[in-house]
Amino acid sequence: MIKTLIKLKILKFILIGGVSAAYAFKKYCDQKNEVKSRKDKKPSLLTR
């Protein structure tokens, strides 16, 4: 029973870590895409 509890706790930490890593990666990519879109928009504003 103790081994099962330990396995469940480890699995819980792996799942939480995975979700946290995915969220952080998504936030990083969104931020990177936002900076890229800002760079793309600046020249078009200057040409007007």
Protein backbone atom coordinates (compact mmCIF):
# COMPACT_ATOMS: atom_id res chain seq x y z
CA MET A 1 0.00 0.00 0.00
CA ILE A 2 2.84 2.39 0.78
CA LYS A 3 4.46 1.66 -2.58
CA THR A 4 1.17 2.41 -4.32
CA LEU A 5 0.85 5.74 -2.50
CA ILE A 6 4.41 6.66 -3.42
CA LYS A 7 3.76 5.76 -7.06
CA LEU A 8 0.58 7.84 -7.08
CA LYS A 9 2.38 10.84 -5.58
CA ILE A 10 5.18 10.55 -8.14
CA LEU A 11 2.61 10.28 -10.94
CA LYS A 12 0.82 13.35 -9.58
CA PHE A 13 4.04 15.37 -9.55
CA ILE A 14 4.87 14.25 -13.09
CA LEU A 15 1.42 15.28 -14.33
CA ILE A 16 1.51 18.65 -12.57
CA GLY A 17 5.04 19.25 -13.84
CA GLY A 18 4.03 18.35 -17.38
CA VAL A 19 1.04 20.68 -17.31
CA SER A 20 3.15 23.48 -15.84
CA ALA A 21 5.84 22.98 -18.47
CA ALA A 22 3.26 22.98 -21.27
CA TYR A 23 1.69 26.18 -19.93
CA ALA A 24 5.06 27.90 -19.62
CA PHE A 25 6.03 26.80 -23.15
CA LYS A 26 2.73 28.07 -24.56
CA LYS A 27 3.14 31.40 -22.78
CA TYR A 28 6.70 31.71 -24.12
CA CYS A 29 5.57 30.94 -27.67
CA ASP A 30 2.69 33.40 -27.46
CA GLN A 31 5.04 36.11 -26.22
CA LYS A 32 7.53 35.33 -28.99
CA ASN A 33 4.78 35.44 -31.64
CA GLU A 34 3.51 38.75 -30.24
CA VAL A 35 6.97 40.32 -30.56
CA LYS A 36 7.25 38.94 -34.09
CA SER A 37 3.86 40.37 -35.07
CA ARG A 38 4.86 43.75 -33.64
CA LYS A 39 7.98 43.75 -35.81
CA ASP A 40 5.85 42.89 -38.85
CA LYS A 41 3.39 45.69 -38.12
CA LYS A 42 5.94 48.48 -37.64
CA PRO A 43 7.13 48.67 -41.28
CA SER A 44 3.55 48.67 -42.59
CA LEU A 45 2.72 51.65 -40.37
CA LEU A 46 5.73 53.55 -41.68
CA THR A 47 4.76 53.03 -45.33
CA ARG A 48 1.37 54.70 -44.89
